[in-house]
């Protein structure tokens, strides 16, 4: 008998991530990040988020991986104007280098902005 194994992601490395989704009143929301996965549980990333306004952000990401290829994660960081940036989500690895995620994002400035996005992450070969 054959056994199917989930694709487990690489434990560290540089990655590129893009997300698109929706925000209040069904307006488009998008984010793009460059990050470094330190190990299976932590990453640091910086990027751009367009949620009613455009923000530059940096965040720490905590990851809880499961042997099934799924993971849950949380992000906490700040934007260029020191507004709070955060997110929570679930991810799935198709291959060791390619994964997808569904996440909720919040940015607080003079108002609180929310978005729900679907994304694709590519962990660069190497290491």
PDB file of N, CA and C in Angstrom:
ATOM      1  N   UNK A   1       0.843  -1.183   0.000  1.00  0.00           N
ATOM      2  CA  UNK A   1       0.000   0.000   0.000  1.00  0.00           C
ATOM      3  C   UNK A   1       0.883   1.239   0.000  1.00  0.00           C
ATOM      4  N   UNK A   2       0.385   2.300  -0.608  1.00  0.00           N
ATOM      5  CA  UNK A   2       1.150   3.543  -0.649  1.00  0.00           C
ATOM      6  C   UNK A   2       0.589   4.525   0.364  1.00  0.00           C
ATOM      7  N   UNK A   3       1.460   5.364   0.867  1.00  0.00           N
ATOM      8  CA  UNK A   3       1.071   6.368   1.844  1.00  0.00           C
ATOM      9  C   UNK A   3       1.348   7.744   1.273  1.00  0.00           C
ATOM     10  N   UNK A   4       0.390   8.635   1.365  1.00  0.00           N
ATOM     11  CA  UNK A   4       0.576  10.007   0.889  1.00  0.00           C
ATOM     12  C   UNK A   4       1.111  10.853   2.034  1.00  0.00           C
ATOM     13  N   UNK A   5       2.093  11.662   1.728  1.00  0.00           N
ATOM     14  CA  UNK A   5       2.675  12.545   2.728  1.00  0.00           C
ATOM     15  C   UNK A   5       2.415  13.986   2.339  1.00  0.00           C
ATOM     16  N   UNK A   6       2.113  14.809   3.307  1.00  0.00           N
ATOM     17  CA  UNK A   6       1.934  16.238   3.060  1.00  0.00           C
ATOM     18  C   UNK A   6       3.289  16.851   2.762  1.00  0.00           C
ATOM     19  N   UNK A   7       3.274  17.917   1.988  1.00  0.00           N
ATOM     20  CA  UNK A   7       4.513  18.640   1.699  1.00  0.00           C
ATOM     21  C   UNK A   7       4.843  19.516   2.895  1.00  0.00           C
ATOM     22  N   UNK A   8       5.931  19.218   3.544  1.00  0.00           N
ATOM     23  CA  UNK A   8       6.342  20.035   4.680  1.00  0.00           C
ATOM     24  C   UNK A   8       7.240  21.152   4.173  1.00  0.00           C
ATOM     25  N   UNK A   9       7.019  22.381   4.651  1.00  0.00           N
ATOM     26  CA  UNK A   9       7.805  23.510   4.158  1.00  0.00           C
ATOM     27  C   UNK A   9       9.250  23.448   4.636  1.00  0.00           C
ATOM     28  N   UNK A  10      10.115  24.117   3.885  1.00  0.00           N
ATOM     29  CA  UNK A  10      11.500  24.256   4.321  1.00  0.00           C
ATOM     30  C   UNK A  10      11.510  24.938   5.686  1.00  0.00           C
ATOM     31  N   UNK A  11      12.511  24.626   6.496  1.00  0.00           N
ATOM     32  CA  UNK A  11      12.549  25.162   7.855  1.00  0.00           C
ATOM     33  C   UNK A  11      13.077  26.589   7.941  1.00  0.00           C
ATOM     34  N   UNK A  12      13.774  27.076   6.895  1.00  0.00           N
ATOM     35  CA  UNK A  12      14.272  28.450   6.944  1.00  0.00           C
ATOM     36  C   UNK A  12      14.534  28.952   5.534  1.00  0.00           C
ATOM     37  N   UNK A  13      14.654  30.267   5.416  1.00  0.00           N
ATOM     38  CA  UNK A  13      15.006  30.857   4.137  1.00  0.00           C
ATOM     39  C   UNK A  13      14.229  32.114   3.821  1.00  0.00           C
ATOM     40  N   UNK A  14      14.643  32.756   2.751  1.00  0.00           N
ATOM     41  CA  UNK A  14      14.021  33.980   2.260  1.00  0.00           C
ATOM     42  C   UNK A  14      12.757  33.635   1.487  1.00  0.00           C
ATOM     43  N   UNK A  15      11.681  34.432   1.663  1.00  0.00           N
ATOM     44  CA  UNK A  15      10.449  34.166   0.925  1.00  0.00           C
ATOM     45  C   UNK A  15       9.818  35.444   0.393  1.00  0.00           C
ATOM     46  N   UNK A  16       9.004  35.251  -0.637  1.00  0.00           N
ATOM     47  CA  UNK A  16       8.204  36.305  -1.245  1.00  0.00           C
ATOM     48  C   UNK A  16       6.748  35.912  -1.088  1.00  0.00           C
ATOM     49  N   UNK A  17       5.906  36.906  -0.755  1.00  0.00           N
ATOM     50  CA  UNK A  17       4.501  36.608  -0.488  1.00  0.00           C
ATOM     51  C   UNK A  17       3.624  37.688  -1.096  1.00  0.00           C
ATOM     52  N   UNK A  18       2.548  37.276  -1.720  1.00  0.00           N
ATOM     53  CA  UNK A  18       1.558  38.213  -2.246  1.00  0.00           C
ATOM     54  C   UNK A  18       0.171  37.785  -1.816  1.00  0.00           C
ATOM     55  N   UNK A  19      -0.670  38.764  -1.468  1.00  0.00           N
ATOM     56  CA  UNK A  19      -2.025  38.490  -0.998  1.00  0.00           C
ATOM     57  C   UNK A  19      -3.009  39.462  -1.636  1.00  0.00           C
ATOM     58  N   UNK A  20      -4.176  38.975  -1.989  1.00  0.00           N
ATOM     59  CA  UNK A  20      -5.262  39.845  -2.453  1.00  0.00           C
ATOM     60  C   UNK A  20      -6.525  39.445  -1.707  1.00  0.00           C
ATOM     61  N   UNK A  21      -7.406  40.424  -1.520  1.00  0.00           N
ATOM     62  CA  UNK A  21      -8.636  40.133  -0.800  1.00  0.00           C
ATOM     63  C   UNK A  21      -9.557  41.319  -0.797  1.00  0.00           C
ATOM     64  N   UNK A  22     -10.332  41.390   0.269  1.00  0.00           N
ATOM     65  CA  UNK A  22     -11.352  42.415   0.362  1.00  0.00           C
ATOM     66  C   UNK A  22     -11.316  43.091   1.722  1.00  0.00           C
ATOM     67  N   UNK A  23     -11.818  44.302   1.735  1.00  0.00           N
ATOM     68  CA  UNK A  23     -11.938  45.074   2.960  1.00  0.00           C
ATOM     69  C   UNK A  23     -13.365  45.618   3.035  1.00  0.00           C
ATOM     70  N   UNK A  24     -13.593  46.551   3.924  1.00  0.00           N
ATOM     71  CA  UNK A  24     -14.912  47.142   4.110  1.00  0.00           C
ATOM     72  C   UNK A  24     -15.490  47.620   2.772  1.00  0.00           C
ATOM     73  N   UNK A  25     -16.779  47.440   2.588  1.00  0.00           N
ATOM     74  CA  UNK A  25     -17.485  47.822   1.360  1.00  0.00           C
ATOM     75  C   UNK A  25     -16.964  47.086   0.132  1.00  0.00           C
ATOM     76  N   UNK A  26     -16.386  45.913   0.330  1.00  0.00           N
ATOM     77  CA  UNK A  26     -15.921  45.045  -0.756  1.00  0.00           C
ATOM     78  C   UNK A  26     -14.859  45.696  -1.631  1.00  0.00           C
ATOM     79  N   UNK A  27     -14.100  46.634  -1.091  1.00  0.00           N
ATOM     80  CA  UNK A  27     -12.988  47.233  -1.833  1.00  0.00           C
ATOM     81  C   UNK A  27     -11.799  46.274  -1.824  1.00  0.00           C
ATOM     82  N   UNK A  28     -10.970  46.398  -2.857  1.00  0.00           N
ATOM     83  CA  UNK A  28      -9.797  45.543  -2.992  1.00  0.00           C
ATOM     84  C   UNK A  28      -8.769  45.847  -1.897  1.00  0.00           C
ATOM     85  N   UNK A  29      -8.205  44.798  -1.355  1.00  0.00           N
ATOM     86  CA  UNK A  29      -7.083  44.899  -0.408  1.00  0.00           C
ATOM     87  C   UNK A  29      -5.953  44.048  -0.975  1.00  0.00           C
ATOM     88  N   UNK A  30      -4.724  44.508  -0.830  1.00  0.00           N
ATOM     89  CA  UNK A  30      -3.575  43.744  -1.331  1.00  0.00           C
ATOM     90  C   UNK A  30      -2.362  43.985  -0.443  1.00  0.00           C
ATOM     91  N   UNK A  31      -1.541  42.960  -0.321  1.00  0.00           N
ATOM     92  CA  UNK A  31      -0.287  43.090   0.411  1.00  0.00           C
ATOM     93  C   UNK A  31       0.810  42.348  -0.338  1.00  0.00           C
ATOM     94  N   UNK A  32       2.032  42.795  -0.152  1.00  0.00           N
ATOM     95  CA  UNK A  32       3.205  42.110  -0.678  1.00  0.00           C
ATOM     96  C   UNK A  32       4.289  42.157   0.369  1.00  0.00           C
ATOM     97  N   UNK A  33       4.948  41.029   0.584  1.00  0.00           N
ATOM     98  CA  UNK A  33       5.969  40.954   1.631  1.00  0.00           C
ATOM     99  C   UNK A  33       7.220  40.237   1.146  1.00  0.00           C
ATOM    100  N   UNK A  34       8.336  40.631   1.716  1.00  0.00           N
ATOM    101  CA  UNK A  34       9.583  39.891   1.619  1.00  0.00           C
ATOM    102  C   UNK A  34       9.906  39.515   3.053  1.00  0.00           C
ATOM    103  N   UNK A  35      10.203  38.249   3.276  1.00  0.00           N
ATOM    104  CA  UNK A  35      10.456  37.818   4.645  1.00  0.00           C
ATOM    105  C   UNK A  35      11.602  36.852   4.744  1.00  0.00           C
ATOM    106  N   UNK A  36      11.990  36.589   5.968  1.00  0.00           N
ATOM    107  CA  UNK A  36      12.994  35.568   6.239  1.00  0.00           C
ATOM    108  C   UNK A  36      12.446  34.646   7.314  1.00  0.00           C
ATOM    109  N   UNK A  37      12.301  33.371   6.958  1.00  0.00           N
ATOM    110  CA  UNK A  37      11.845  32.353   7.895  1.00  0.00           C
ATOM    111  C   UNK A  37      13.063  31.891   8.687  1.00  0.00           C
ATOM    112  N   UNK A  38      13.102  32.245   9.962  1.00  0.00           N
ATOM    113  CA  UNK A  38      14.240  31.939  10.829  1.00  0.00           C
ATOM    114  C   UNK A  38      14.297  30.447  11.135  1.00  0.00           C
ATOM    115  N   UNK A  39      13.141  29.875  11.445  1.00  0.00           N
ATOM    116  CA  UNK A  39      12.999  28.438  11.680  1.00  0.00           C
ATOM    117  C   UNK A  39      11.531  28.082  11.458  1.00  0.00           C
ATOM    118  N   UNK A  40      11.116  26.886  11.843  1.00  0.00           N
ATOM    119  CA  UNK A  40       9.728  26.470  11.612  1.00  0.00           C
ATOM    120  C   UNK A  40       8.704  27.302  12.368  1.00  0.00           C
ATOM    121  N   UNK A  41       9.134  28.051  13.383  1.00  0.00           N
ATOM    122  CA  UNK A  41       8.191  28.763  14.236  1.00  0.00           C
ATOM    123  C   UNK A  41       8.245  30.285  14.168  1.00  0.00           C
ATOM    124  N   UNK A  42       9.270  30.856  13.540  1.00  0.00           N
ATOM    125  CA  UNK A  42       9.389  32.313  13.534  1.00  0.00           C
ATOM    126  C   UNK A  42       9.889  32.843  12.198  1.00  0.00           C
ATOM    127  N   UNK A  43       9.371  34.021  11.841  1.00  0.00           N
ATOM    128  CA  UNK A  43       9.822  34.723  10.644  1.00  0.00           C
ATOM    129  C   UNK A  43       9.745  36.221  10.918  1.00  0.00           C
ATOM    130  N   UNK A  44      10.459  36.983  10.110  1.00  0.00           N
ATOM    131  CA  UNK A  44      10.357  38.435  10.143  1.00  0.00           C
ATOM    132  C   UNK A  44      10.093  38.862   8.708  1.00  0.00           C
ATOM    133  N   UNK A  45       9.196  39.838   8.542  1.00  0.00           N
ATOM    134  CA  UNK A  45       8.872  40.262   7.188  1.00  0.00           C
ATOM    135  C   UNK A  45       8.608  41.754   7.118  1.00  0.00           C
ATOM    136  N   UNK A  46       8.789  42.282   5.944  1.00  0.00           N
ATOM    137  CA  UNK A  46       8.503  43.680   5.671  1.00  0.00           C
ATOM    138  C   UNK A  46       7.797  43.759   4.336  1.00  0.00           C
ATOM    139  N   UNK A  47       6.968  44.763   4.188  1.00  0.00           N
ATOM    140  CA  UNK A  47       6.251  44.836   2.930  1.00  0.00           C
ATOM    141  C   UNK A  47       5.398  46.068   2.795  1.00  0.00           C
ATOM    142  N   UNK A  48       4.435  45.942   1.914  1.00  0.00           N
ATOM    143  CA  UNK A  48       3.509  47.018   1.615  1.00  0.00           C
ATOM    144  C   UNK A  48       2.090  46.463   1.703  1.00  0.00           C
ATOM    145  N   UNK A  49       1.207  47.238   2.300  1.00  0.00           N
ATOM    146  CA  UNK A  49      -0.194  46.844   2.434  1.00  0.00           C
ATOM    147  C   UNK A  49      -1.070  47.969   1.898  1.00  0.00           C
ATOM    148  N   UNK A  50      -2.005  47.629   1.059  1.00  0.00           N
ATOM    149  CA  UNK A  50      -2.952  48.598   0.533  1.00  0.00           C
ATOM    150  C   UNK A  50      -4.337  48.239   1.057  1.00  0.00           C
ATOM    151  N   UNK A  51      -4.717  48.930   2.123  1.00  0.00           N
ATOM    152  CA  UNK A  51      -6.023  48.724   2.758  1.00  0.00           C
ATOM    153  C   UNK A  51      -6.610  50.114   2.987  1.00  0.00           C
ATOM    154  N   UNK A  52      -7.322  50.629   2.002  1.00  0.00           N
ATOM    155  CA  UNK A  52      -7.846  51.999   1.950  1.00  0.00           C
ATOM    156  C   UNK A  52      -6.734  53.026   1.777  1.00  0.00           C
ATOM    157  N   UNK A  53      -5.612  52.816   2.386  1.00  0.00           N
ATOM    158  CA  UNK A  53      -4.410  53.634   2.238  1.00  0.00           C
ATOM    159  C   UNK A  53      -3.254  52.671   1.996  1.00  0.00           C
ATOM    160  N   UNK A  54      -2.112  53.204   1.618  1.00  0.00           N
ATOM    161  CA  UNK A  54      -0.936  52.364   1.415  1.00  0.00           C
ATOM    162  C   UNK A  54       0.016  52.534   2.591  1.00  0.00           C
ATOM    163  N   UNK A  55       0.447  51.409   3.139  1.00  0.00           N
ATOM    164  CA  UNK A  55       1.318  51.383   4.307  1.00  0.00           C
ATOM    165  C   UNK A  55       2.560  50.560   4.009  1.00  0.00           C
ATOM    166  N   UNK A  56       3.695  50.979   4.515  1.00  0.00           N
ATOM    167  CA  UNK A  56       4.877  50.134   4.588  1.00  0.00           C
ATOM    168  C   UNK A  56       4.864  49.525   5.978  1.00  0.00           C
ATOM    169  N   UNK A  57       5.198  48.243   6.091  1.00  0.00           N
ATOM    170  CA  UNK A  57       5.118  47.603   7.400  1.00  0.00           C
ATOM    171  C   UNK A  57       6.276  46.649   7.618  1.00  0.00           C
ATOM    172  N   UNK A  58       6.505  46.348   8.881  1.00  0.00           N
ATOM    173  CA  UNK A  58       7.450  45.321   9.309  1.00  0.00           C
ATOM    174  C   UNK A  58       6.772  44.543  10.427  1.00  0.00           C
ATOM    175  N   UNK A  59       6.960  43.209  10.428  1.00  0.00           N
ATOM    176  CA  UNK A  59       6.248  42.393  11.419  1.00  0.00           C
ATOM    177  C   UNK A  59       7.065  41.164  11.803  1.00  0.00           C
ATOM    178  N   UNK A  60       6.837  40.700  13.007  1.00  0.00           N
ATOM    179  CA  UNK A  60       7.314  39.403  13.468  1.00  0.00           C
ATOM    180  C   UNK A  60       6.167  38.422  13.270  1.00  0.00           C
ATOM    181  N   UNK A  61       6.497  37.223  12.848  1.00  0.00           N
ATOM    182  CA  UNK A  61       5.467  36.222  12.560  1.00  0.00           C
ATOM    183  C   UNK A  61       5.756  34.973  13.377  1.00  0.00           C
ATOM    184  N   UNK A  62       4.773  34.541  14.161  1.00  0.00           N
ATOM    185  CA  UNK A  62       4.849  33.285  14.896  1.00  0.00           C
ATOM    186  C   UNK A  62       4.064  32.229  14.139  1.00  0.00           C
ATOM    187  N   UNK A  63       4.645  31.047  13.983  1.00  0.00           N
ATOM    188  CA  UNK A  63       4.052  29.983  13.172  1.00  0.00           C
ATOM    189  C   UNK A  63       3.952  28.704  13.995  1.00  0.00           C
ATOM    190  N   UNK A  64       2.777  28.052  13.938  1.00  0.00           N
ATOM    191  CA  UNK A  64       2.625  26.741  14.556  1.00  0.00           C
ATOM    192  C   UNK A  64       2.339  25.738  13.437  1.00  0.00           C
ATOM    193  N   UNK A  65       3.376  24.965  13.013  1.00  0.00           N
ATOM    194  CA  UNK A  65       3.179  24.005  11.930  1.00  0.00           C
ATOM    195  C   UNK A  65       2.573  22.694  12.438  1.00  0.00           C
ATOM    196  N   UNK A  66       1.868  22.020  11.532  1.00  0.00           N
ATOM    197  CA  UNK A  66       1.322  20.693  11.808  1.00  0.00           C
ATOM    198  C   UNK A  66       1.881  19.736  10.760  1.00  0.00           C
ATOM    199  N   UNK A  67       2.006  18.448  11.083  1.00  0.00           N
ATOM    200  CA  UNK A  67       2.564  17.467  10.158  1.00  0.00           C
ATOM    201  C   UNK A  67       1.707  17.269   8.915  1.00  0.00           C
ATOM    202  N   UNK A  68       0.503  17.778   8.902  1.00  0.00           N
ATOM    203  CA  UNK A  68      -0.402  17.631   7.763  1.00  0.00           C
ATOM    204  C   UNK A  68      -0.089  18.597   6.628  1.00  0.00           C
ATOM    205  N   UNK A  69       0.885  19.516   6.832  1.00  0.00           N
ATOM    206  CA  UNK A  69       1.176  20.551   5.843  1.00  0.00           C
ATOM    207  C   UNK A  69       0.492  21.862   6.170  1.00  0.00           C
ATOM    208  N   UNK A  70      -0.441  21.827   7.117  1.00  0.00           N
ATOM    209  CA  UNK A  70      -1.135  23.051   7.549  1.00  0.00           C
ATOM    210  C   UNK A  70      -0.328  23.752   8.624  1.00  0.00           C
ATOM    211  N   UNK A  71      -0.587  25.045   8.796  1.00  0.00           N
ATOM    212  CA  UNK A  71      -0.025  25.802   9.904  1.00  0.00           C
ATOM    213  C   UNK A  71      -0.994  26.914  10.270  1.00  0.00           C
ATOM    214  N   UNK A  72      -0.868  27.411  11.466  1.00  0.00           N
ATOM    215  CA  UNK A  72      -1.572  28.622  11.874  1.00  0.00           C
ATOM    216  C   UNK A  72      -0.492  29.639  12.234  1.00  0.00           C
ATOM    217  N   UNK A  73      -0.817  30.926  12.058  1.00  0.00           N
ATOM    218  CA  UNK A  73       0.193  31.938  12.313  1.00  0.00           C
ATOM    219  C   UNK A  73      -0.444  33.219  12.826  1.00  0.00           C
ATOM    220  N   UNK A  74       0.391  34.034  13.440  1.00  0.00           N
ATOM    221  CA  UNK A  74      -0.002  35.368  13.894  1.00  0.00           C
ATOM    222  C   UNK A  74       1.148  36.317  13.603  1.00  0.00           C
ATOM    223  N   UNK A  75       0.807  37.551  13.219  1.00  0.00           N
ATOM    224  CA  UNK A  75       1.800  38.586  12.921  1.00  0.00           C
ATOM    225  C   UNK A  75       1.535  39.784  13.812  1.00  0.00           C
ATOM    226  N   UNK A  76       2.594  40.433  14.230  1.00  0.00           N
ATOM    227  CA  UNK A  76       2.468  41.685  14.972  1.00  0.00           C
ATOM    228  C   UNK A  76       3.617  42.588  14.531  1.00  0.00           C
ATOM    229  N   UNK A  77       3.272  43.842  14.259  1.00  0.00           N
ATOM    230  CA  UNK A  77       4.296  44.768  13.801  1.00  0.00           C
ATOM    231  C   UNK A  77       3.785  46.189  13.779  1.00  0.00           C
ATOM    232  N   UNK A  78       4.439  47.001  12.952  1.00  0.00           N
ATOM    233  CA  UNK A  78       4.093  48.415  12.870  1.00  0.00           C
ATOM    234  C   UNK A  78       4.237  48.890  11.426  1.00  0.00           C
ATOM    235  N   UNK A  79       3.545  49.976  11.126  1.00  0.00           N
ATOM    236  CA  UNK A  79       3.666  50.614   9.822  1.00  0.00           C
ATOM    237  C   UNK A  79       4.680  51.749   9.926  1.00  0.00           C
ATOM    238  N   UNK A  80       4.943  52.412   8.794  1.00  0.00           N
ATOM    239  CA  UNK A  80       5.933  53.491   8.780  1.00  0.00           C
ATOM    240  C   UNK A  80       5.539  54.648   9.692  1.00  0.00           C
ATOM    241  N   UNK A  81       4.265  54.791  10.005  1.00  0.00           N
ATOM    242  CA  UNK A  81       3.828  55.857  10.911  1.00  0.00           C
ATOM    243  C   UNK A  81       3.579  55.325  12.319  1.00  0.00           C
ATOM    244  N   UNK A  82       4.155  54.175  12.623  1.00  0.00           N
ATOM    245  CA  UNK A  82       4.087  53.514  13.925  1.00  0.00           C
ATOM    246  C   UNK A  82       2.656  53.144  14.313  1.00  0.00           C
ATOM    247  N   UNK A  83       1.852  52.861  13.314  1.00  0.00           N
ATOM    248  CA  UNK A  83       0.527  52.307  13.573  1.00  0.00           C
ATOM    249  C   UNK A  83       0.675  50.806  13.800  1.00  0.00           C
ATOM    250  N   UNK A  84      -0.218  50.229  14.590  1.00  0.00           N
ATOM    251  CA  UNK A  84      -0.196  48.796  14.844  1.00  0.00           C
ATOM    252  C   UNK A  84      -0.600  48.044  13.583  1.00  0.00           C
ATOM    253  N   UNK A  85       0.147  47.003  13.256  1.00  0.00           N
ATOM    254  CA  UNK A  85      -0.146  46.120  12.133  1.00  0.00           C
ATOM    255  C   UNK A  85      -0.188  44.704  12.679  1.00  0.00           C
ATOM    256  N   UNK A  86      -1.233  43.952  12.380  1.00  0.00           N
ATOM    257  CA  UNK A  86      -1.320  42.592  12.874  1.00  0.00           C
ATOM    258  C   UNK A  86      -2.135  41.712  11.957  1.00  0.00           C
ATOM    259  N   UNK A  87      -2.023  40.419  12.178  1.00  0.00           N
ATOM    260  CA  UNK A  87      -2.789  39.483  11.375  1.00  0.00           C
ATOM    261  C   UNK A  87      -2.780  38.107  11.991  1.00  0.00           C
ATOM    262  N   UNK A  88      -3.764  37.311  11.624  1.00  0.00           N
ATOM    263  CA  UNK A  88      -3.846  35.908  12.010  1.00  0.00           C
ATOM    264  C   UNK A  88      -4.317  35.136  10.786  1.00  0.00           C
ATOM    265  N   UNK A  89      -3.881  33.878  10.693  1.00  0.00           N
ATOM    266  CA  UNK A  89      -4.312  33.111   9.538  1.00  0.00           C
ATOM    267  C   UNK A  89      -3.953  31.652   9.621  1.00  0.00           C
ATOM    268  N   UNK A  90      -4.276  30.976   8.525  1.00  0.00           N
ATOM    269  CA  UNK A  90      -3.989  29.557   8.360  1.00  0.00           C
ATOM    270  C   UNK A  90      -3.299  29.392   7.006  1.00  0.00           C
ATOM    271  N   UNK A  91      -2.316  28.487   6.961  1.00  0.00           N
ATOM    272  CA  UNK A  91      -1.587  28.248   5.728  1.00  0.00           C
ATOM    273  C   UNK A  91      -1.531  26.774   5.393  1.00  0.00           C
ATOM    274  N   UNK A  92      -1.212  26.490   4.130  1.00  0.00           N
ATOM    275  CA  UNK A  92      -1.052  25.104   3.680  1.00  0.00           C
ATOM    276  C   UNK A  92       0.096  25.044   2.685  1.00  0.00           C
ATOM    277  N   UNK A  93       1.014  24.094   2.853  1.00  0.00           N
ATOM    278  CA  UNK A  93       2.164  23.931   1.964  1.00  0.00           C
ATOM    279  C   UNK A  93       1.857  22.893   0.895  1.00  0.00           C
ATOM    280  N   UNK A  94       1.916  23.323  -0.375  1.00  0.00           N
ATOM    281  CA  UNK A  94       1.740  22.408  -1.499  1.00  0.00           C
ATOM    282  C   UNK A  94       3.031  21.654  -1.790  1.00  0.00           C
ATOM    283  N   UNK A  95       4.142  22.365  -1.678  1.00  0.00           N
ATOM    284  CA  UNK A  95       5.481  21.796  -1.876  1.00  0.00           C
ATOM    285  C   UNK A  95       6.357  22.393  -0.775  1.00  0.00           C
ATOM    286  N   UNK A  96       7.609  21.965  -0.637  1.00  0.00           N
ATOM    287  CA  UNK A  96       8.468  22.588   0.372  1.00  0.00           C
ATOM    288  C   UNK A  96       8.689  24.087   0.137  1.00  0.00           C
ATOM    289  N   UNK A  97       8.480  24.566  -1.101  1.00  0.00           N
ATOM    290  CA  UNK A  97       8.736  25.971  -1.410  1.00  0.00           C
ATOM    291  C   UNK A  97       7.482  26.798  -1.682  1.00  0.00           C
ATOM    292  N   UNK A  98       6.333  26.174  -1.897  1.00  0.00           N
ATOM    293  CA  UNK A  98       5.121  26.906  -2.285  1.00  0.00           C
ATOM    294  C   UNK A  98       4.001  26.617  -1.289  1.00  0.00           C
ATOM    295  N   UNK A  99       3.416  27.706  -0.770  1.00  0.00           N
ATOM    296  CA  UNK A  99       2.290  27.549   0.158  1.00  0.00           C
ATOM    297  C   UNK A  99       1.244  28.629  -0.106  1.00  0.00           C
ATOM    298  N   UNK A 100       0.089  28.426   0.447  1.00  0.00           N
ATOM    299  CA  UNK A 100      -0.992  29.395   0.352  1.00  0.00           C
ATOM    300  C   UNK A 100      -1.445  29.748   1.756  1.00  0.00           C
ATOM    301  N   UNK A 101      -2.107  30.897   1.894  1.00  0.00           N
ATOM    302  CA  UNK A 101      -2.600  31.294   3.209  1.00  0.00           C
ATOM    303  C   UNK A 101      -3.896  32.070   3.079  1.00  0.00           C
ATOM    304  N   UNK A 102      -4.690  31.999   4.108  1.00  0.00           N
ATOM    305  CA  UNK A 102      -5.903  32.782   4.277  1.00  0.00           C
ATOM    306  C   UNK A 102      -5.704  33.531   5.581  1.00  0.00           C
ATOM    307  N   UNK A 103      -5.789  34.877   5.525  1.00  0.00           N
ATOM    308  CA  UNK A 103      -5.489  35.637   6.737  1.00  0.00           C
ATOM    309  C   UNK A 103      -6.403  36.846   6.901  1.00  0.00           C
ATOM    310  N   UNK A 104      -6.529  37.248   8.135  1.00  0.00           N
ATOM    311  CA  UNK A 104      -7.192  38.500   8.475  1.00  0.00           C
ATOM    312  C   UNK A 104      -6.134  39.489   8.912  1.00  0.00           C
ATOM    313  N   UNK A 105      -6.238  40.728   8.449  1.00  0.00           N
ATOM    314  CA  UNK A 105      -5.250  41.771   8.746  1.00  0.00           C
ATOM    315  C   UNK A 105      -5.957  42.942   9.403  1.00  0.00           C
ATOM    316  N   UNK A 106      -5.278  43.586  10.340  1.00  0.00           N
ATOM    317  CA  UNK A 106      -5.790  44.798  10.967  1.00  0.00           C
ATOM    318  C   UNK A 106      -4.666  45.829  11.027  1.00  0.00           C
ATOM    319  N   UNK A 107      -5.006  47.075  10.714  1.00  0.00           N
ATOM    320  CA  UNK A 107      -4.085  48.203  10.849  1.00  0.00           C
ATOM    321  C   UNK A 107      -4.839  49.291  11.594  1.00  0.00           C
ATOM    322  N   UNK A 108      -4.226  49.811  12.645  1.00  0.00           N
ATOM    323  CA  UNK A 108      -4.864  50.891  13.393  1.00  0.00           C
ATOM    324  C   UNK A 108      -4.109  52.186  13.156  1.00  0.00           C
ATOM    325  N   UNK A 109      -4.815  53.185  12.688  1.00  0.00           N
ATOM    326  CA  UNK A 109      -4.283  54.545  12.632  1.00  0.00           C
ATOM    327  C   UNK A 109      -5.407  55.423  13.162  1.00  0.00           C
ATOM    328  N   UNK A 110      -5.791  56.496  12.504  1.00  0.00           N
ATOM    329  CA  UNK A 110      -6.904  57.300  13.009  1.00  0.00           C
ATOM    330  C   UNK A 110      -8.202  56.501  13.002  1.00  0.00           C
ATOM    331  N   UNK A 111      -8.260  55.466  12.163  1.00  0.00           N
ATOM    332  CA  UNK A 111      -9.362  54.506  12.160  1.00  0.00           C
ATOM    333  C   UNK A 111      -8.759  53.111  12.177  1.00  0.00           C
ATOM    334  N   UNK A 112      -9.568  52.113  12.395  1.00  0.00           N
ATOM    335  CA  UNK A 112      -9.097  50.732  12.347  1.00  0.00           C
ATOM    336  C   UNK A 112      -9.523  50.136  11.018  1.00  0.00           C
ATOM    337  N   UNK A 113      -8.557  49.577  10.298  1.00  0.00           N
ATOM    338  CA  UNK A 113      -8.826  49.007   8.973  1.00  0.00           C
ATOM    339  C   UNK A 113      -8.628  47.493   9.045  1.00  0.00           C
ATOM    340  N   UNK A 114      -9.585  46.778   8.448  1.00  0.00           N
ATOM    341  CA  UNK A 114      -9.554  45.322   8.424  1.00  0.00           C
ATOM    342  C   UNK A 114      -9.558  44.837   6.980  1.00  0.00           C
ATOM    343  N   UNK A 115      -8.968  43.673   6.759  1.00  0.00           N
ATOM    344  CA  UNK A 115      -9.022  43.033   5.448  1.00  0.00           C
ATOM    345  C   UNK A 115      -8.926  41.522   5.626  1.00  0.00           C
ATOM    346  N   UNK A 116      -9.505  40.800   4.688  1.00  0.00           N
ATOM    347  CA  UNK A 116      -9.362  39.350   4.606  1.00  0.00           C
ATOM    348  C   UNK A 116      -8.703  39.060   3.272  1.00  0.00           C
ATOM    349  N   UNK A 117      -7.608  38.281   3.278  1.00  0.00           N
ATOM    350  CA  UNK A 117      -6.861  38.041   2.045  1.00  0.00           C
ATOM    351  C   UNK A 117      -6.530  36.567   1.849  1.00  0.00           C
ATOM    352  N   UNK A 118      -6.316  36.213   0.604  1.00  0.00           N
ATOM    353  CA  UNK A 118      -5.832  34.902   0.194  1.00  0.00           C
ATOM    354  C   UNK A 118      -4.496  35.133  -0.469  1.00  0.00           C
ATOM    355  N   UNK A 119      -3.481  34.345  -0.094  1.00  0.00           N
ATOM    356  CA  UNK A 119      -2.143  34.629  -0.592  1.00  0.00           C
ATOM    357  C   UNK A 119      -1.378  33.411  -1.051  1.00  0.00           C
ATOM    358  N   UNK A 120      -0.270  33.710  -1.722  1.00  0.00           N
ATOM    359  CA  UNK A 120       0.653  32.692  -2.199  1.00  0.00           C
ATOM    360  C   UNK A 120       2.058  33.080  -1.741  1.00  0.00           C
ATOM    361  N   UNK A 121       2.793  32.121  -1.194  1.00  0.00           N
ATOM    362  CA  UNK A 121       4.148  32.351  -0.694  1.00  0.00           C
ATOM    363  C   UNK A 121       5.117  31.422  -1.418  1.00  0.00           C
ATOM    364  N   UNK A 122       6.248  31.990  -1.815  1.00  0.00           N
ATOM    365  CA  UNK A 122       7.317  31.204  -2.446  1.00  0.00           C
ATOM    366  C   UNK A 122       8.573  31.341  -1.611  1.00  0.00           C
ATOM    367  N   UNK A 123       9.007  30.238  -1.040  1.00  0.00           N
ATOM    368  CA  UNK A 123      10.233  30.175  -0.246  1.00  0.00           C
ATOM    369  C   UNK A 123      11.367  29.885  -1.217  1.00  0.00           C
ATOM    370  N   UNK A 124      12.303  30.837  -1.363  1.00  0.00           N
ATOM    371  CA  UNK A 124      13.364  30.721  -2.359  1.00  0.00           C
ATOM    372  C   UNK A 124      14.252  29.511  -2.090  1.00  0.00           C
ATOM    373  N   UNK A 125      14.701  28.843  -3.143  1.00  0.00           N
ATOM    374  CA  UNK A 125      15.609  27.703  -2.959  1.00  0.00           C
ATOM    375  C   UNK A 125      16.920  28.169  -2.325  1.00  0.00           C
ATOM    376  N   UNK A 126      17.593  27.273  -1.689  1.00  0.00           N
ATOM    377  CA  UNK A 126      18.860  27.598  -1.047  1.00  0.00           C
ATOM    378  C   UNK A 126      18.878  27.079   0.370  1.00  0.00           C
ATOM    379  N   UNK A 127      19.886  27.477   1.090  1.00  0.00           N
ATOM    380  CA  UNK A 127      20.098  27.043   2.479  1.00  0.00           C
ATOM    381  C   UNK A 127      20.253  25.534   2.513  1.00  0.00           C
TER     382      UNK A 127
END
